[in-house]
Amino acid sequence: MLNRLKQIGGMALYGLVYKDKPERARQFLRETGNPFSRINLDSRGRAAIDWGVYDVPETFVIDGRGLVRLRYSGPITDDVLSHVLLPAIEKARSGI
């Protein structure tokens, strides 16, 4: 789903490797493709605490001013992509 989202374009996708080893993350991305513009490592879970993450995966839509426009907890399905993420991305782009 993230690879599909990347194909839409016009935004950057950032990933966070949460409490895992970098080599395992690299292997996973080699197998599935890497949609991310940048990936950071959160080996201790500190960044997740700072962001208030309580479930994995979580997705945030952040506008150009750095405001969190959407926080979605759970896997991204076709329905979530179409009815939750894409509308939030459009609102973030338009500044509504």
PDB file of N, CA and C in Angstrom:
ATOM      1  N   MET A   1       0.817  -1.197   0.000  1.00  0.00           N
ATOM      2  CA  MET A   1       0.000   0.000   0.000  1.00  0.00           C
ATOM      3  C   MET A   1       0.864   1.266   0.000  1.00  0.00           C
ATOM      4  N   LEU A   2       1.974   1.210   0.739  1.00  0.00           N
ATOM      5  CA  LEU A   2       2.853   2.385   0.754  1.00  0.00           C
ATOM      6  C   LEU A   2       3.491   2.611  -0.611  1.00  0.00           C
ATOM      7  N   ASN A   3       3.793   1.539  -1.315  1.00  0.00           N
ATOM      8  CA  ASN A   3       4.316   1.698  -2.676  1.00  0.00           C
ATOM      9  C   ASN A   3       3.268   2.326  -3.584  1.00  0.00           C
ATOM     10  N   ARG A   4       2.006   1.971  -3.418  1.00  0.00           N
ATOM     11  CA  ARG A   4       0.930   2.611  -4.190  1.00  0.00           C
ATOM     12  C   ARG A   4       0.818   4.079  -3.826  1.00  0.00           C
ATOM     13  N   LEU A   5       0.922   4.378  -2.559  1.00  0.00           N
ATOM     14  CA  LEU A   5       0.837   5.767  -2.109  1.00  0.00           C
ATOM     15  C   LEU A   5       1.983   6.590  -2.696  1.00  0.00           C
ATOM     16  N   LYS A   6       3.159   6.023  -2.742  1.00  0.00           N
ATOM     17  CA  LYS A   6       4.315   6.720  -3.320  1.00  0.00           C
ATOM     18  C   LYS A   6       4.075   7.058  -4.783  1.00  0.00           C
ATOM     19  N   GLN A   7       3.431   6.154  -5.518  1.00  0.00           N
ATOM     20  CA  GLN A   7       3.178   6.373  -6.945  1.00  0.00           C
ATOM     21  C   GLN A   7       2.266   7.567  -7.199  1.00  0.00           C
ATOM     22  N   ILE A   8       1.456   7.912  -6.222  1.00  0.00           N
ATOM     23  CA  ILE A   8       0.582   9.080  -6.370  1.00  0.00           C
ATOM     24  C   ILE A   8       1.424  10.343  -6.481  1.00  0.00           C
ATOM     25  N   GLY A   9       2.521  10.384  -5.739  1.00  0.00           N
ATOM     26  CA  GLY A   9       3.471  11.483  -5.834  1.00  0.00           C
ATOM     27  C   GLY A   9       3.024  12.744  -5.128  1.00  0.00           C
ATOM     28  N   GLY A  10       3.889  13.736  -5.169  1.00  0.00           N
ATOM     29  CA  GLY A  10       3.589  15.024  -4.583  1.00  0.00           C
ATOM     30  C   GLY A  10       3.731  15.078  -3.072  1.00  0.00           C
ATOM     31  N   MET A  11       4.350  14.058  -2.492  1.00  0.00           N
ATOM     32  CA  MET A  11       4.545  14.039  -1.046  1.00  0.00           C
ATOM     33  C   MET A  11       5.750  13.165  -0.739  1.00  0.00           C
ATOM     34  N   ALA A  12       6.278  13.331   0.430  1.00  0.00           N
ATOM     35  CA  ALA A  12       7.392  12.491   0.889  1.00  0.00           C
ATOM     36  C   ALA A  12       6.859  11.511   1.927  1.00  0.00           C
ATOM     37  N   LEU A  13       7.327  10.284   1.834  1.00  0.00           N
ATOM     38  CA  LEU A  13       6.982   9.270   2.829  1.00  0.00           C
ATOM     39  C   LEU A  13       8.207   9.023   3.695  1.00  0.00           C
ATOM     40  N   TYR A  14       8.025   9.120   4.989  1.00  0.00           N
ATOM     41  CA  TYR A  14       9.102   8.879   5.936  1.00  0.00           C
ATOM     42  C   TYR A  14       8.754   7.660   6.766  1.00  0.00           C
ATOM     43  N   GLY A  15       9.741   6.815   6.998  1.00  0.00           N
ATOM     44  CA  GLY A  15       9.527   5.601   7.769  1.00  0.00           C
ATOM     45  C   GLY A  15      10.324   5.613   9.052  1.00  0.00           C
ATOM     46  N   LEU A  16       9.887   4.791   9.983  1.00  0.00           N
ATOM     47  CA  LEU A  16      10.567   4.645  11.259  1.00  0.00           C
ATOM     48  C   LEU A  16      10.713   3.158  11.557  1.00  0.00           C
ATOM     49  N   VAL A  17      11.952   2.700  11.665  1.00  0.00           N
ATOM     50  CA  VAL A  17      12.220   1.312  12.036  1.00  0.00           C
ATOM     51  C   VAL A  17      12.088   1.250  13.555  1.00  0.00           C
ATOM     52  N   TYR A  18      11.047   0.583  14.007  1.00  0.00           N
ATOM     53  CA  TYR A  18      10.689   0.580  15.424  1.00  0.00           C
ATOM     54  C   TYR A  18      11.169  -0.695  16.113  1.00  0.00           C
ATOM     55  N   LYS A  19      12.110  -0.515  17.028  1.00  0.00           N
ATOM     56  CA  LYS A  19      12.621  -1.609  17.852  1.00  0.00           C
ATOM     57  C   LYS A  19      13.023  -2.838  17.026  1.00  0.00           C
ATOM     58  N   ASP A  20      13.745  -2.594  15.970  1.00  0.00           N
ATOM     59  CA  ASP A  20      14.209  -3.685  15.119  1.00  0.00           C
ATOM     60  C   ASP A  20      15.642  -3.383  14.710  1.00  0.00           C
ATOM     61  N   LYS A  21      16.279  -4.353  14.120  1.00  0.00           N
ATOM     62  CA  LYS A  21      17.658  -4.202  13.672  1.00  0.00           C
ATOM     63  C   LYS A  21      17.684  -3.654  12.246  1.00  0.00           C
ATOM     64  N   PRO A  22      18.611  -2.736  11.972  1.00  0.00           N
ATOM     65  CA  PRO A  22      18.691  -2.151  10.637  1.00  0.00           C
ATOM     66  C   PRO A  22      18.803  -3.193   9.524  1.00  0.00           C
ATOM     67  N   GLU A  23      19.573  -4.254   9.753  1.00  0.00           N
ATOM     68  CA  GLU A  23      19.735  -5.256   8.694  1.00  0.00           C
ATOM     69  C   GLU A  23      18.423  -5.980   8.386  1.00  0.00           C
ATOM     70  N   ARG A  24      17.595  -6.194   9.399  1.00  0.00           N
ATOM     71  CA  ARG A  24      16.288  -6.825   9.161  1.00  0.00           C
ATOM     72  C   ARG A  24      15.383  -5.884   8.361  1.00  0.00           C
ATOM     73  N   ALA A  25      15.445  -4.599   8.675  1.00  0.00           N
ATOM     74  CA  ALA A  25      14.649  -3.617   7.933  1.00  0.00           C
ATOM     75  C   ALA A  25      15.103  -3.528   6.484  1.00  0.00           C
ATOM     76  N   ARG A  26      16.420  -3.519   6.264  1.00  0.00           N
ATOM     77  CA  ARG A  26      16.934  -3.472   4.891  1.00  0.00           C
ATOM     78  C   ARG A  26      16.487  -4.682   4.087  1.00  0.00           C
ATOM     79  N   GLN A  27      16.551  -5.852   4.698  1.00  0.00           N
ATOM     80  CA  GLN A  27      16.120  -7.075   4.014  1.00  0.00           C
ATOM     81  C   GLN A  27      14.636  -6.998   3.653  1.00  0.00           C
ATOM     82  N   PHE A  28      13.834  -6.549   4.588  1.00  0.00           N
ATOM     83  CA  PHE A  28      12.402  -6.401   4.339  1.00  0.00           C
ATOM     84  C   PHE A  28      12.148  -5.464   3.157  1.00  0.00           C
ATOM     85  N   LEU A  29      12.840  -4.335   3.124  1.00  0.00           N
ATOM     86  CA  LEU A  29      12.653  -3.366   2.046  1.00  0.00           C
ATOM     87  C   LEU A  29      13.179  -3.883   0.711  1.00  0.00           C
ATOM     88  N   ARG A  30      14.219  -4.695   0.745  1.00  0.00           N
ATOM     89  CA  ARG A  30      14.693  -5.319  -0.506  1.00  0.00           C
ATOM     90  C   ARG A  30      13.618  -6.246  -1.073  1.00  0.00           C
ATOM     91  N   GLU A  31      12.916  -6.932  -0.196  1.00  0.00           N
ATOM     92  CA  GLU A  31      11.889  -7.886  -0.635  1.00  0.00           C
ATOM     93  C   GLU A  31      10.596  -7.201  -1.073  1.00  0.00           C
ATOM     94  N   THR A  32      10.229  -6.107  -0.423  1.00  0.00           N
ATOM     95  CA  THR A  32       8.925  -5.484  -0.672  1.00  0.00           C
ATOM     96  C   THR A  32       8.989  -4.193  -1.465  1.00  0.00           C
ATOM     97  N   GLY A  33      10.179  -3.618  -1.587  1.00  0.00           N
ATOM     98  CA  GLY A  33      10.319  -2.313  -2.217  1.00  0.00           C
ATOM     99  C   GLY A  33      10.386  -1.239  -1.145  1.00  0.00           C
ATOM    100  N   ASN A  34      11.054  -0.158  -1.469  1.00  0.00           N
ATOM    101  CA  ASN A  34      11.239   0.917  -0.502  1.00  0.00           C
ATOM    102  C   ASN A  34      10.527   2.182  -0.979  1.00  0.00           C
ATOM    103  N   PRO A  35       9.377   2.491  -0.396  1.00  0.00           N
ATOM    104  CA  PRO A  35       8.646   3.679  -0.809  1.00  0.00           C
ATOM    105  C   PRO A  35       9.111   4.962  -0.109  1.00  0.00           C
ATOM    106  N   PHE A  36      10.047   4.836   0.824  1.00  0.00           N
ATOM    107  CA  PHE A  36      10.359   5.947   1.713  1.00  0.00           C
ATOM    108  C   PHE A  36      11.411   6.900   1.152  1.00  0.00           C
ATOM    109  N   SER A  37      11.209   8.185   1.427  1.00  0.00           N
ATOM    110  CA  SER A  37      12.199   9.210   1.105  1.00  0.00           C
ATOM    111  C   SER A  37      13.328   9.174   2.116  1.00  0.00           C
ATOM    112  N   ARG A  38      12.977   8.839   3.338  1.00  0.00           N
ATOM    113  CA  ARG A  38      13.951   8.761   4.419  1.00  0.00           C
ATOM    114  C   ARG A  38      13.417   7.805   5.473  1.00  0.00           C
ATOM    115  N   ILE A  39      14.332   7.107   6.137  1.00  0.00           N
ATOM    116  CA  ILE A  39      13.968   6.171   7.199  1.00  0.00           C
ATOM    117  C   ILE A  39      14.886   6.420   8.388  1.00  0.00           C
ATOM    118  N   ASN A  40      14.306   6.505   9.566  1.00  0.00           N
ATOM    119  CA  ASN A  40      15.090   6.639  10.783  1.00  0.00           C
ATOM    120  C   ASN A  40      14.941   5.386  11.628  1.00  0.00           C
ATOM    121  N   LEU A  41      15.895   5.182  12.498  1.00  0.00           N
ATOM    122  CA  LEU A  41      15.909   4.028  13.384  1.00  0.00           C
ATOM    123  C   LEU A  41      15.484   4.450  14.786  1.00  0.00           C
ATOM    124  N   ASP A  42      14.537   3.718  15.339  1.00  0.00           N
ATOM    125  CA  ASP A  42      14.074   3.936  16.715  1.00  0.00           C
ATOM    126  C   ASP A  42      14.273   2.638  17.482  1.00  0.00           C
ATOM    127  N   SER A  43      15.538   2.296  17.731  1.00  0.00           N
ATOM    128  CA  SER A  43      15.852   0.996  18.324  1.00  0.00           C
ATOM    129  C   SER A  43      15.365   0.862  19.762  1.00  0.00           C
ATOM    130  N   ARG A  44      15.241   1.948  20.481  1.00  0.00           N
ATOM    131  CA  ARG A  44      14.790   1.895  21.879  1.00  0.00           C
ATOM    132  C   ARG A  44      13.310   2.241  22.051  1.00  0.00           C
ATOM    133  N   GLY A  45      12.681   2.732  20.999  1.00  0.00           N
ATOM    134  CA  GLY A  45      11.272   3.089  21.082  1.00  0.00           C
ATOM    135  C   GLY A  45      11.016   4.492  21.588  1.00  0.00           C
ATOM    136  N   ARG A  46      12.058   5.299  21.707  1.00  0.00           N
ATOM    137  CA  ARG A  46      11.919   6.657  22.240  1.00  0.00           C
ATOM    138  C   ARG A  46      11.098   7.554  21.310  1.00  0.00           C
ATOM    139  N   ALA A  47      11.375   7.505  20.019  1.00  0.00           N
ATOM    140  CA  ALA A  47      10.625   8.350  19.078  1.00  0.00           C
ATOM    141  C   ALA A  47       9.152   7.980  19.092  1.00  0.00           C
ATOM    142  N   ALA A  48       8.867   6.688  19.192  1.00  0.00           N
ATOM    143  CA  ALA A  48       7.470   6.251  19.261  1.00  0.00           C
ATOM    144  C   ALA A  48       6.789   6.828  20.496  1.00  0.00           C
ATOM    145  N   ILE A  49       7.494   6.867  21.611  1.00  0.00           N
ATOM    146  CA  ILE A  49       6.937   7.469  22.830  1.00  0.00           C
ATOM    147  C   ILE A  49       6.691   8.956  22.605  1.00  0.00           C
ATOM    148  N   ASP A  50       7.658   9.639  22.001  1.00  0.00           N
ATOM    149  CA  ASP A  50       7.519  11.082  21.746  1.00  0.00           C
ATOM    150  C   ASP A  50       6.321  11.395  20.859  1.00  0.00           C
ATOM    151  N   TRP A  51       6.048  10.508  19.901  1.00  0.00           N
ATOM    152  CA  TRP A  51       4.915  10.707  18.992  1.00  0.00           C
ATOM    153  C   TRP A  51       3.614  10.168  19.571  1.00  0.00           C
ATOM    154  N   GLY A  52       3.668   9.480  20.683  1.00  0.00           N
ATOM    155  CA  GLY A  52       2.468   8.926  21.289  1.00  0.00           C
ATOM    156  C   GLY A  52       1.973   7.666  20.604  1.00  0.00           C
ATOM    157  N   VAL A  53       2.864   6.947  19.942  1.00  0.00           N
ATOM    158  CA  VAL A  53       2.478   5.722  19.252  1.00  0.00           C
ATOM    159  C   VAL A  53       2.094   4.668  20.283  1.00  0.00           C
ATOM    160  N   TYR A  54       0.946   4.059  20.087  1.00  0.00           N
ATOM    161  CA  TYR A  54       0.504   3.011  21.000  1.00  0.00           C
ATOM    162  C   TYR A  54       0.175   1.721  20.275  1.00  0.00           C
ATOM    163  N   ASP A  55       0.261   1.733  18.968  1.00  0.00           N
ATOM    164  CA  ASP A  55      -0.039   0.549  18.169  1.00  0.00           C
ATOM    165  C   ASP A  55       0.839   0.591  16.923  1.00  0.00           C
ATOM    166  N   VAL A  56       1.153  -0.544  16.394  1.00  0.00           N
ATOM    167  CA  VAL A  56       1.966  -0.610  15.181  1.00  0.00           C
ATOM    168  C   VAL A  56       1.188  -1.406  14.150  1.00  0.00           C
ATOM    169  N   PRO A  57       1.034  -0.913  12.942  1.00  0.00           N
ATOM    170  CA  PRO A  57       1.599   0.325  12.410  1.00  0.00           C
ATOM    171  C   PRO A  57       0.708   1.532  12.698  1.00  0.00           C
ATOM    172  N   GLU A  58       1.317   2.683  12.674  1.00  0.00           N
ATOM    173  CA  GLU A  58       0.591   3.952  12.746  1.00  0.00           C
ATOM    174  C   GLU A  58       1.061   4.825  11.598  1.00  0.00           C
ATOM    175  N   THR A  59       0.142   5.589  11.052  1.00  0.00           N
ATOM    176  CA  THR A  59       0.429   6.464   9.925  1.00  0.00           C
ATOM    177  C   THR A  59       0.004   7.871  10.295  1.00  0.00           C
ATOM    178  N   PHE A  60       0.863   8.821   9.997  1.00  0.00           N
ATOM    179  CA  PHE A  60       0.572  10.232  10.250  1.00  0.00           C
ATOM    180  C   PHE A  60       0.599  10.977   8.921  1.00  0.00           C
ATOM    181  N   VAL A  61      -0.356  11.869   8.724  1.00  0.00           N
ATOM    182  CA  VAL A  61      -0.326  12.794   7.588  1.00  0.00           C
ATOM    183  C   VAL A  61       0.032  14.147   8.194  1.00  0.00           C
ATOM    184  N   ILE A  62       1.133  14.702   7.712  1.00  0.00           N
ATOM    185  CA  ILE A  62       1.649  15.963   8.245  1.00  0.00           C
ATOM    186  C   ILE A  62       1.695  16.973   7.109  1.00  0.00           C
ATOM    187  N   ASP A  63       1.151  18.163   7.351  1.00  0.00           N
ATOM    188  CA  ASP A  63       1.109  19.159   6.286  1.00  0.00           C
ATOM    189  C   ASP A  63       2.449  19.876   6.144  1.00  0.00           C
ATOM    190  N   GLY A  64       2.530  20.796   5.200  1.00  0.00           N
ATOM    191  CA  GLY A  64       3.762  21.511   4.909  1.00  0.00           C
ATOM    192  C   GLY A  64       4.245  22.406   6.028  1.00  0.00           C
ATOM    193  N   ARG A  65       3.371  22.706   6.985  1.00  0.00           N
ATOM    194  CA  ARG A  65       3.773  23.520   8.137  1.00  0.00           C
ATOM    195  C   ARG A  65       4.185  22.666   9.333  1.00  0.00           C
ATOM    196  N   GLY A  66       4.117  21.337   9.157  1.00  0.00           N
ATOM    197  CA  GLY A  66       4.512  20.446  10.241  1.00  0.00           C
ATOM    198  C   GLY A  66       3.389  20.065  11.189  1.00  0.00           C
ATOM    199  N   LEU A  67       2.150  20.391  10.824  1.00  0.00           N
ATOM    200  CA  LEU A  67       1.004  20.045  11.666  1.00  0.00           C
ATOM    201  C   LEU A  67       0.496  18.648  11.332  1.00  0.00           C
ATOM    202  N   VAL A  68       0.250  17.863  12.351  1.00  0.00           N
ATOM    203  CA  VAL A  68      -0.307  16.530  12.143  1.00  0.00           C
ATOM    204  C   VAL A  68      -1.774  16.703  11.772  1.00  0.00           C
ATOM    205  N   ARG A  69      -2.127  16.279  10.567  1.00  0.00           N
ATOM    206  CA  ARG A  69      -3.500  16.408  10.063  1.00  0.00           C
ATOM    207  C   ARG A  69      -4.302  15.139  10.274  1.00  0.00           C
ATOM    208  N   LEU A  70      -3.606  14.001  10.377  1.00  0.00           N
ATOM    209  CA  LEU A  70      -4.284  12.725  10.594  1.00  0.00           C
ATOM    210  C   LEU A  70      -3.322  11.783  11.282  1.00  0.00           C
ATOM    211  N   ARG A  71      -3.882  11.032  12.201  1.00  0.00           N
ATOM    212  CA  ARG A  71      -3.155   9.932  12.828  1.00  0.00           C
ATOM    213  C   ARG A  71      -4.035   8.712  12.663  1.00  0.00           C
ATOM    214  N   TYR A  72      -3.515   7.713  11.974  1.00  0.00           N
ATOM    215  CA  TYR A  72      -4.284   6.496  11.717  1.00  0.00           C
ATOM    216  C   TYR A  72      -3.537   5.310  12.301  1.00  0.00           C
ATOM    217  N   SER A  73      -4.225   4.518  13.088  1.00  0.00           N
ATOM    218  CA  SER A  73      -3.635   3.337  13.705  1.00  0.00           C
ATOM    219  C   SER A  73      -4.203   2.091  13.044  1.00  0.00           C
ATOM    220  N   GLY A  74      -3.306   1.269  12.512  1.00  0.00           N
ATOM    221  CA  GLY A  74      -3.736   0.027  11.889  1.00  0.00           C
ATOM    222  C   GLY A  74      -3.166  -0.110  10.496  1.00  0.00           C
ATOM    223  N   PRO A  75      -3.384  -1.268   9.900  1.00  0.00           N
ATOM    224  CA  PRO A  75      -2.864  -1.492   8.546  1.00  0.00           C
ATOM    225  C   PRO A  75      -3.598  -0.629   7.515  1.00  0.00           C
ATOM    226  N   ILE A  76      -2.898  -0.301   6.454  1.00  0.00           N
ATOM    227  CA  ILE A  76      -3.500   0.466   5.365  1.00  0.00           C
ATOM    228  C   ILE A  76      -4.080  -0.531   4.366  1.00  0.00           C
ATOM    229  N   THR A  77      -5.369  -0.486   4.202  1.00  0.00           N
ATOM    230  CA  THR A  77      -6.081  -1.314   3.236  1.00  0.00           C
ATOM    231  C   THR A  77      -6.502  -0.426   2.068  1.00  0.00           C
ATOM    232  N   ASP A  78      -7.079  -1.033   1.034  1.00  0.00           N
ATOM    233  CA  ASP A  78      -7.619  -0.240  -0.083  1.00  0.00           C
ATOM    234  C   ASP A  78      -8.634   0.780   0.427  1.00  0.00           C
ATOM    235  N   ASP A  79      -9.520   0.339   1.297  1.00  0.00           N
ATOM    236  CA  ASP A  79     -10.557   1.214   1.836  1.00  0.00           C
ATOM    237  C   ASP A  79      -9.960   2.364   2.642  1.00  0.00           C
ATOM    238  N   VAL A  80      -8.995   2.059   3.483  1.00  0.00           N
ATOM    239  CA  VAL A  80      -8.342   3.099   4.292  1.00  0.00           C
ATOM    240  C   VAL A  80      -7.609   4.080   3.391  1.00  0.00           C
ATOM    241  N   LEU A  81      -6.912   3.577   2.395  1.00  0.00           N
ATOM    242  CA  LEU A  81      -6.205   4.452   1.469  1.00  0.00           C
ATOM    243  C   LEU A  81      -7.173   5.402   0.777  1.00  0.00           C
ATOM    244  N   SER A  82      -8.260   4.850   0.249  1.00  0.00           N
ATOM    245  CA  SER A  82      -9.218   5.655  -0.509  1.00  0.00           C
ATOM    246  C   SER A  82     -10.040   6.609   0.340  1.00  0.00           C
ATOM    247  N   HIS A  83     -10.492   6.142   1.495  1.00  0.00           N
ATOM    248  CA  HIS A  83     -11.469   6.912   2.268  1.00  0.00           C
ATOM    249  C   HIS A  83     -10.916   7.637   3.485  1.00  0.00           C
ATOM    250  N   VAL A  84      -9.689   7.327   3.864  1.00  0.00           N
ATOM    251  CA  VAL A  84      -9.103   7.967   5.043  1.00  0.00           C
ATOM    252  C   VAL A  84      -7.841   8.757   4.662  1.00  0.00           C
ATOM    253  N   LEU A  85      -6.849   8.059   4.127  1.00  0.00           N
ATOM    254  CA  LEU A  85      -5.562   8.715   3.873  1.00  0.00           C
ATOM    255  C   LEU A  85      -5.612   9.735   2.740  1.00  0.00           C
ATOM    256  N   LEU A  86      -6.135   9.344   1.585  1.00  0.00           N
ATOM    257  CA  LEU A  86      -6.134  10.282   0.449  1.00  0.00           C
ATOM    258  C   LEU A  86      -6.924  11.557   0.743  1.00  0.00           C
ATOM    259  N   PRO A  87      -8.109  11.488   1.356  1.00  0.00           N
ATOM    260  CA  PRO A  87      -8.785  12.739   1.708  1.00  0.00           C
ATOM    261  C   PRO A  87      -7.977  13.594   2.695  1.00  0.00           C
ATOM    262  N   ALA A  88      -7.307  12.958   3.660  1.00  0.00           N
ATOM    263  CA  ALA A  88      -6.494  13.710   4.616  1.00  0.00           C
ATOM    264  C   ALA A  88      -5.295  14.358   3.926  1.00  0.00           C
ATOM    265  N   ILE A  89      -4.702  13.655   2.978  1.00  0.00           N
ATOM    266  CA  ILE A  89      -3.578  14.205   2.225  1.00  0.00           C
ATOM    267  C   ILE A  89      -4.029  15.411   1.409  1.00  0.00           C
ATOM    268  N   GLU A  90      -5.173  15.295   0.767  1.00  0.00           N
ATOM    269  CA  GLU A  90      -5.698  16.432  -0.028  1.00  0.00           C
ATOM    270  C   GLU A  90      -5.975  17.635   0.873  1.00  0.00           C
ATOM    271  N   LYS A  91      -6.546  17.410   2.038  1.00  0.00           N
ATOM    272  CA  LYS A  91      -6.789  18.526   2.973  1.00  0.00           C
ATOM    273  C   LYS A  91      -5.476  19.137   3.434  1.00  0.00           C
ATOM    274  N   ALA A  92      -4.483  18.292   3.708  1.00  0.00           N
ATOM    275  CA  ALA A  92      -3.183  18.810   4.135  1.00  0.00           C
ATOM    276  C   ALA A  92      -2.539  19.646   3.025  1.00  0.00           C
ATOM    277  N   ARG A  93      -2.700  19.214   1.793  1.00  0.00           N
ATOM    278  CA  ARG A  93      -2.132  19.965   0.661  1.00  0.00           C
ATOM    279  C   ARG A  93      -2.831  21.303   0.479  1.00  0.00           C
ATOM    280  N   SER A  94      -4.136  21.327   0.693  1.00  0.00           N
ATOM    281  CA  SER A  94      -4.895  22.553   0.462  1.00  0.00           C
ATOM    282  C   SER A  94      -4.873  23.510   1.646  1.00  0.00           C
ATOM    283  N   GLY A  95      -4.384  23.034   2.786  1.00  0.00           N
ATOM    284  CA  GLY A  95      -4.308  23.893   3.968  1.00  0.00           C
ATOM    285  C   GLY A  95      -5.609  24.065   4.703  1.00  0.00           C
ATOM    286  N   ILE A  96      -6.595  23.201   4.408  1.00  0.00           N
ATOM    287  CA  ILE A  96      -7.899  23.288   5.083  1.00  0.00           C
ATOM    288  C   ILE A  96      -7.773  22.811   6.510  1.00  0.00           C
TER     289      ILE A  96
END
